[in-house]
Amino acid sequence: MKNILLALIFASPVLAQDPGSAARTAAGCGPSQVQFDVKTSKSLHASAQPEPGKALIYVFEAERRDGDTTWFGSVTTRVGLDGSWAGANHGKSYFSISTDPGEHRLCTDWQSSLKMLSNVGSAATLTAEAGKVYYYRAIVYYPTKEREPQVKLEPLDNAEGQFLISSSAFSSFHPKK
């Protein structure tokens, strides 16, 4: 028997204050009350080079669904860099962030009004070098009877990153009002 869960509940703004906000900011995330509207384009596959003296970070979203669970819609994941939200992805999509060289904290989380999902995320430390391109994937694992919901951030090989640009939708986003 399939569990049927509606993804519409994930579009609501976060209503509660996040008690671990200082730790989440230190991990690279932005404020919990910031939510994004995301549009994706399957026909646009933008690949860029870093600006002079900068590094470029691509962040992709991928969703892993178990066969016994049906979900309608896709998850929106927010992506933070050094304590501020840099943007968001929705479904199999990506965008890029230009940054200065040095150590950075990259964070991603599940944008949701549900407490059990709004606290789900992952973070990584990245030492960026000028002129370099970095690729990361945020993998969303849907909750099942056997598994808690998860978002895992993983670094990618450059070849894999280039492949994902060709096969993913490009995200454009703006904060919800």
C-alpha atoms as a PDB file:
ATOM      1  CA  MET A   1       0.000   0.000   0.000  1.00  0.00           C
ATOM      2  CA  LYS A   2       1.343   3.434  -0.902  1.00  0.00           C
ATOM      3  CA  ASN A   3       1.570   6.268   1.556  1.00  0.00           C
ATOM      4  CA  ILE A   4       0.171   9.394  -0.063  1.00  0.00           C
ATOM      5  CA  LEU A   5       1.600  12.655   1.208  1.00  0.00           C
ATOM      6  CA  LEU A   6       0.862  16.093  -0.214  1.00  0.00           C
ATOM      7  CA  ALA A   7       3.812  18.365  -0.898  1.00  0.00           C
ATOM      8  CA  LEU A   8       1.557  21.416  -0.799  1.00  0.00           C
ATOM      9  CA  ILE A   9       2.197  21.695   2.935  1.00  0.00           C
ATOM     10  CA  PHE A  10       5.852  22.438   2.213  1.00  0.00           C
ATOM     11  CA  ALA A  11       5.032  25.729   0.484  1.00  0.00           C
ATOM     12  CA  SER A  12       3.813  27.480   3.660  1.00  0.00           C
ATOM     13  CA  PRO A  13       6.117  29.963   5.404  1.00  0.00           C
ATOM     14  CA  VAL A  14       7.910  28.929   8.565  1.00  0.00           C
ATOM     15  CA  LEU A  15       5.876  30.166  11.505  1.00  0.00           C
ATOM     16  CA  ALA A  16       7.980  29.171  14.477  1.00  0.00           C
ATOM     17  CA  GLN A  17      11.292  30.628  15.675  1.00  0.00           C
ATOM     18  CA  ASP A  18      14.209  28.209  15.273  1.00  0.00           C
ATOM     19  CA  PRO A  19      15.777  27.664  18.733  1.00  0.00           C
ATOM     20  CA  GLY A  20      19.141  26.651  17.260  1.00  0.00           C
ATOM     21  CA  SER A  21      19.449  29.688  14.996  1.00  0.00           C
ATOM     22  CA  ALA A  22      22.933  30.720  16.251  1.00  0.00           C
ATOM     23  CA  ALA A  23      24.309  27.243  15.539  1.00  0.00           C
ATOM     24  CA  ARG A  24      22.603  27.141  12.141  1.00  0.00           C
ATOM     25  CA  THR A  25      24.065  30.556  11.266  1.00  0.00           C
ATOM     26  CA  ALA A  26      27.533  29.310  12.279  1.00  0.00           C
ATOM     27  CA  ALA A  27      26.963  26.322   9.976  1.00  0.00           C
ATOM     28  CA  GLY A  28      26.274  28.710   7.070  1.00  0.00           C
ATOM     29  CA  CYS A  29      22.449  28.888   7.079  1.00  0.00           C
ATOM     30  CA  GLY A  30      20.429  32.076   6.919  1.00  0.00           C
ATOM     31  CA  PRO A  31      17.472  33.156   9.099  1.00  0.00           C
ATOM     32  CA  SER A  32      14.701  30.549   9.398  1.00  0.00           C
ATOM     33  CA  GLN A  33      11.927  33.057   8.569  1.00  0.00           C
ATOM     34  CA  VAL A  34      13.295  33.748   5.058  1.00  0.00           C
ATOM     35  CA  GLN A  35      11.427  31.721   2.443  1.00  0.00           C
ATOM     36  CA  PHE A  36      11.890  31.613  -1.337  1.00  0.00           C
ATOM     37  CA  ASP A  37       9.684  31.360  -4.398  1.00  0.00           C
ATOM     38  CA  VAL A  38      11.561  29.336  -7.012  1.00  0.00           C
ATOM     39  CA  LYS A  39      11.019  29.038 -10.742  1.00  0.00           C
ATOM     40  CA  THR A  40      12.968  26.545 -12.821  1.00  0.00           C
ATOM     41  CA  SER A  41      13.788  26.437 -16.518  1.00  0.00           C
ATOM     42  CA  LYS A  42      14.506  23.084 -18.153  1.00  0.00           C
ATOM     43  CA  SER A  43      15.640  24.804 -21.356  1.00  0.00           C
ATOM     44  CA  LEU A  44      18.308  26.984 -19.702  1.00  0.00           C
ATOM     45  CA  HIS A  45      21.553  25.231 -18.805  1.00  0.00           C
ATOM     46  CA  ALA A  46      23.788  28.068 -17.672  1.00  0.00           C
ATOM     47  CA  SER A  47      27.441  27.284 -17.165  1.00  0.00           C
ATOM     48  CA  ALA A  48      29.724  30.126 -16.084  1.00  0.00           C
ATOM     49  CA  GLN A  49      33.333  30.725 -15.171  1.00  0.00           C
ATOM     50  CA  PRO A  50      34.330  32.552 -11.980  1.00  0.00           C
ATOM     51  CA  GLU A  51      34.816  36.307 -12.107  1.00  0.00           C
ATOM     52  CA  PRO A  52      38.468  37.392 -11.783  1.00  0.00           C
ATOM     53  CA  GLY A  53      39.629  36.921  -8.180  1.00  0.00           C
ATOM     54  CA  LYS A  54      36.488  34.916  -7.245  1.00  0.00           C
ATOM     55  CA  ALA A  55      35.435  31.277  -6.925  1.00  0.00           C
ATOM     56  CA  LEU A  56      32.155  29.823  -8.183  1.00  0.00           C
ATOM     57  CA  ILE A  57      30.011  27.281  -6.319  1.00  0.00           C
ATOM     58  CA  TYR A  58      27.252  25.314  -8.046  1.00  0.00           C
ATOM     59  CA  VAL A  59      24.603  23.680  -5.848  1.00  0.00           C
ATOM     60  CA  PHE A  60      22.250  21.044  -7.291  1.00  0.00           C
ATOM     61  CA  GLU A  61      19.167  19.446  -5.747  1.00  0.00           C
ATOM     62  CA  ALA A  62      18.298  15.786  -6.209  1.00  0.00           C
ATOM     63  CA  GLU A  63      15.377  13.913  -4.633  1.00  0.00           C
ATOM     64  CA  ARG A  64      15.378  10.278  -3.542  1.00  0.00           C
ATOM     65  CA  ARG A  65      11.946   8.718  -3.183  1.00  0.00           C
ATOM     66  CA  ASP A  66      11.212   5.196  -2.043  1.00  0.00           C
ATOM     67  CA  GLY A  67       8.940   3.065  -4.195  1.00  0.00           C
ATOM     68  CA  ASP A  68       6.264   2.672  -1.491  1.00  0.00           C
ATOM     69  CA  THR A  69       5.747   6.422  -0.952  1.00  0.00           C
ATOM     70  CA  THR A  70       3.980   8.804  -3.306  1.00  0.00           C
ATOM     71  CA  TRP A  71       4.699  12.531  -3.126  1.00  0.00           C
ATOM     72  CA  PHE A  72       3.039  15.231  -5.169  1.00  0.00           C
ATOM     73  CA  GLY A  73       5.308  18.102  -6.060  1.00  0.00           C
ATOM     74  CA  SER A  74       8.937  18.709  -5.253  1.00  0.00           C
ATOM     75  CA  VAL A  75      10.893  19.973  -2.279  1.00  0.00           C
ATOM     76  CA  THR A  76      12.408  23.459  -2.092  1.00  0.00           C
ATOM     77  CA  THR A  77      15.849  23.563  -0.512  1.00  0.00           C
ATOM     78  CA  ARG A  78      17.440  26.802   0.602  1.00  0.00           C
ATOM     79  CA  VAL A  79      21.182  27.267   0.184  1.00  0.00           C
ATOM     80  CA  GLY A  80      23.181  29.430   2.573  1.00  0.00           C
ATOM     81  CA  LEU A  81      26.724  30.700   2.505  1.00  0.00           C
ATOM     82  CA  ASP A  82      28.413  32.118   5.616  1.00  0.00           C
ATOM     83  CA  GLY A  83      25.166  32.754   7.511  1.00  0.00           C
ATOM     84  CA  SER A  84      23.056  34.284   4.717  1.00  0.00           C
ATOM     85  CA  TRP A  85      20.744  32.601   2.254  1.00  0.00           C
ATOM     86  CA  ALA A  86      22.221  32.696  -1.263  1.00  0.00           C
ATOM     87  CA  GLY A  87      19.170  31.198  -2.996  1.00  0.00           C
ATOM     88  CA  ALA A  88      17.058  28.093  -3.415  1.00  0.00           C
ATOM     89  CA  ASN A  89      16.417  25.089  -5.628  1.00  0.00           C
ATOM     90  CA  HIS A  90      13.178  23.250  -6.335  1.00  0.00           C
ATOM     91  CA  GLY A  91      13.214  19.687  -7.617  1.00  0.00           C
ATOM     92  CA  LYS A  92      16.044  18.615  -9.920  1.00  0.00           C
ATOM     93  CA  SER A  93      17.582  22.066 -10.337  1.00  0.00           C
ATOM     94  CA  TYR A  94      20.676  24.182  -9.649  1.00  0.00           C
ATOM     95  CA  PHE A  95      22.157  27.658  -9.396  1.00  0.00           C
ATOM     96  CA  SER A  96      25.601  29.110  -8.734  1.00  0.00           C
ATOM     97  CA  ILE A  97      27.132  31.426  -6.123  1.00  0.00           C
ATOM     98  CA  SER A  98      30.131  33.690  -6.702  1.00  0.00           C
ATOM     99  CA  THR A  99      32.344  34.072  -3.633  1.00  0.00           C
ATOM    100  CA  ASP A 100      35.678  35.404  -2.457  1.00  0.00           C
ATOM    101  CA  PRO A 101      38.561  32.991  -1.886  1.00  0.00           C
ATOM    102  CA  GLY A 102      38.937  31.579   1.625  1.00  0.00           C
ATOM    103  CA  GLU A 103      37.086  29.350   4.064  1.00  0.00           C
ATOM    104  CA  HIS A 104      33.297  29.321   3.786  1.00  0.00           C
ATOM    105  CA  ARG A 105      30.389  27.482   5.366  1.00  0.00           C
ATOM    106  CA  LEU A 106      27.839  26.092   2.901  1.00  0.00           C
ATOM    107  CA  CYS A 107      24.436  25.034   4.221  1.00  0.00           C
ATOM    108  CA  THR A 108      21.252  23.636   2.729  1.00  0.00           C
ATOM    109  CA  ASP A 109      17.921  22.871   4.348  1.00  0.00           C
ATOM    110  CA  TRP A 110      14.384  21.755   3.558  1.00  0.00           C
ATOM    111  CA  GLN A 111      12.137  24.838   3.278  1.00  0.00           C
ATOM    112  CA  SER A 112       8.960  23.864   5.116  1.00  0.00           C
ATOM    113  CA  SER A 113       6.399  25.084   7.624  1.00  0.00           C
ATOM    114  CA  LEU A 114       6.494  21.657   9.322  1.00  0.00           C
ATOM    115  CA  LYS A 115       8.911  21.566  12.255  1.00  0.00           C
ATOM    116  CA  MET A 116       9.962  17.972  11.503  1.00  0.00           C
ATOM    117  CA  LEU A 117      11.094  19.087   8.018  1.00  0.00           C
ATOM    118  CA  SER A 118      12.225  22.680   8.610  1.00  0.00           C
ATOM    119  CA  ASN A 119      15.062  21.451  10.855  1.00  0.00           C
ATOM    120  CA  VAL A 120      16.332  18.979   8.251  1.00  0.00           C
ATOM    121  CA  GLY A 121      19.514  20.054   6.495  1.00  0.00           C
ATOM    122  CA  SER A 122      23.226  19.639   6.036  1.00  0.00           C
ATOM    123  CA  ALA A 123      26.376  21.779   5.982  1.00  0.00           C
ATOM    124  CA  ALA A 124      29.954  21.668   4.748  1.00  0.00           C
ATOM    125  CA  THR A 125      33.131  23.710   5.095  1.00  0.00           C
ATOM    126  CA  LEU A 126      34.719  24.772   1.824  1.00  0.00           C
ATOM    127  CA  THR A 127      38.084  26.441   1.240  1.00  0.00           C
ATOM    128  CA  ALA A 128      37.599  28.268  -2.052  1.00  0.00           C
ATOM    129  CA  GLU A 129      40.451  29.319  -4.333  1.00  0.00           C
ATOM    130  CA  ALA A 130      40.234  32.170  -6.838  1.00  0.00           C
ATOM    131  CA  GLY A 131      39.481  30.921 -10.344  1.00  0.00           C
ATOM    132  CA  LYS A 132      38.164  27.529  -9.187  1.00  0.00           C
ATOM    133  CA  VAL A 133      34.694  26.040  -9.639  1.00  0.00           C
ATOM    134  CA  TYR A 134      33.111  23.821  -6.956  1.00  0.00           C
ATOM    135  CA  TYR A 135      30.082  21.547  -7.276  1.00  0.00           C
ATOM    136  CA  TYR A 136      27.795  20.309  -4.485  1.00  0.00           C
ATOM    137  CA  ARG A 137      24.604  18.255  -4.476  1.00  0.00           C
ATOM    138  CA  ALA A 138      21.866  18.490  -1.854  1.00  0.00           C
ATOM    139  CA  ILE A 139      20.147  15.106  -1.815  1.00  0.00           C
ATOM    140  CA  VAL A 140      16.649  15.127  -0.327  1.00  0.00           C
ATOM    141  CA  TYR A 141      15.542  11.805   1.171  1.00  0.00           C
ATOM    142  CA  TYR A 142      11.804  11.657   1.735  1.00  0.00           C
ATOM    143  CA  PRO A 143      10.590  10.271   5.059  1.00  0.00           C
ATOM    144  CA  THR A 144       9.320   6.709   5.199  1.00  0.00           C
ATOM    145  CA  LYS A 145       8.282   4.337   7.968  1.00  0.00           C
ATOM    146  CA  GLU A 146      11.905   3.176   8.148  1.00  0.00           C
ATOM    147  CA  ARG A 147      13.736   6.490   7.677  1.00  0.00           C
ATOM    148  CA  GLU A 148      13.602  10.031   8.968  1.00  0.00           C
ATOM    149  CA  PRO A 149      13.634  12.802   6.346  1.00  0.00           C
ATOM    150  CA  GLN A 150      17.161  13.901   5.398  1.00  0.00           C
ATOM    151  CA  VAL A 151      19.005  16.455   3.298  1.00  0.00           C
ATOM    152  CA  LYS A 152      22.636  15.516   2.664  1.00  0.00           C
ATOM    153  CA  LEU A 153      25.132  17.915   1.103  1.00  0.00           C
ATOM    154  CA  GLU A 154      27.915  16.214  -0.849  1.00  0.00           C
ATOM    155  CA  PRO A 155      30.825  17.542  -2.912  1.00  0.00           C
ATOM    156  CA  LEU A 156      30.899  16.469  -6.550  1.00  0.00           C
ATOM    157  CA  ASP A 157      33.607  15.730  -9.071  1.00  0.00           C
ATOM    158  CA  ASN A 158      33.965  18.432 -11.775  1.00  0.00           C
ATOM    159  CA  ALA A 159      32.853  16.051 -14.535  1.00  0.00           C
ATOM    160  CA  GLU A 160      29.720  15.118 -12.559  1.00  0.00           C
ATOM    161  CA  GLY A 161      28.983  18.813 -11.970  1.00  0.00           C
ATOM    162  CA  GLN A 162      29.230  19.574 -15.698  1.00  0.00           C
ATOM    163  CA  PHE A 163      26.963  16.622 -16.469  1.00  0.00           C
ATOM    164  CA  LEU A 164      24.361  17.812 -13.954  1.00  0.00           C
ATOM    165  CA  ILE A 165      24.335  21.294 -15.531  1.00  0.00           C
ATOM    166  CA  SER A 166      23.320  19.634 -18.806  1.00  0.00           C
ATOM    167  CA  SER A 167      20.582  17.502 -17.217  1.00  0.00           C
ATOM    168  CA  SER A 168      19.113  19.787 -14.510  1.00  0.00           C
ATOM    169  CA  ALA A 169      16.795  22.784 -14.615  1.00  0.00           C
ATOM    170  CA  PHE A 170      18.202  26.213 -13.841  1.00  0.00           C
ATOM    171  CA  SER A 171      16.708  27.869 -10.710  1.00  0.00           C
ATOM    172  CA  SER A 172      15.739  31.500 -10.411  1.00  0.00           C
ATOM    173  CA  PHE A 173      14.396  32.644  -7.057  1.00  0.00           C
ATOM    174  CA  HIS A 174      13.328  35.579  -4.929  1.00  0.00           C
ATOM    175  CA  PRO A 175      12.389  35.913  -1.253  1.00  0.00           C
ATOM    176  CA  LYS A 176       8.680  35.576  -0.488  1.00  0.00           C
ATOM    177  CA  LYS A 177       7.041  38.714   0.817  1.00  0.00           C
END
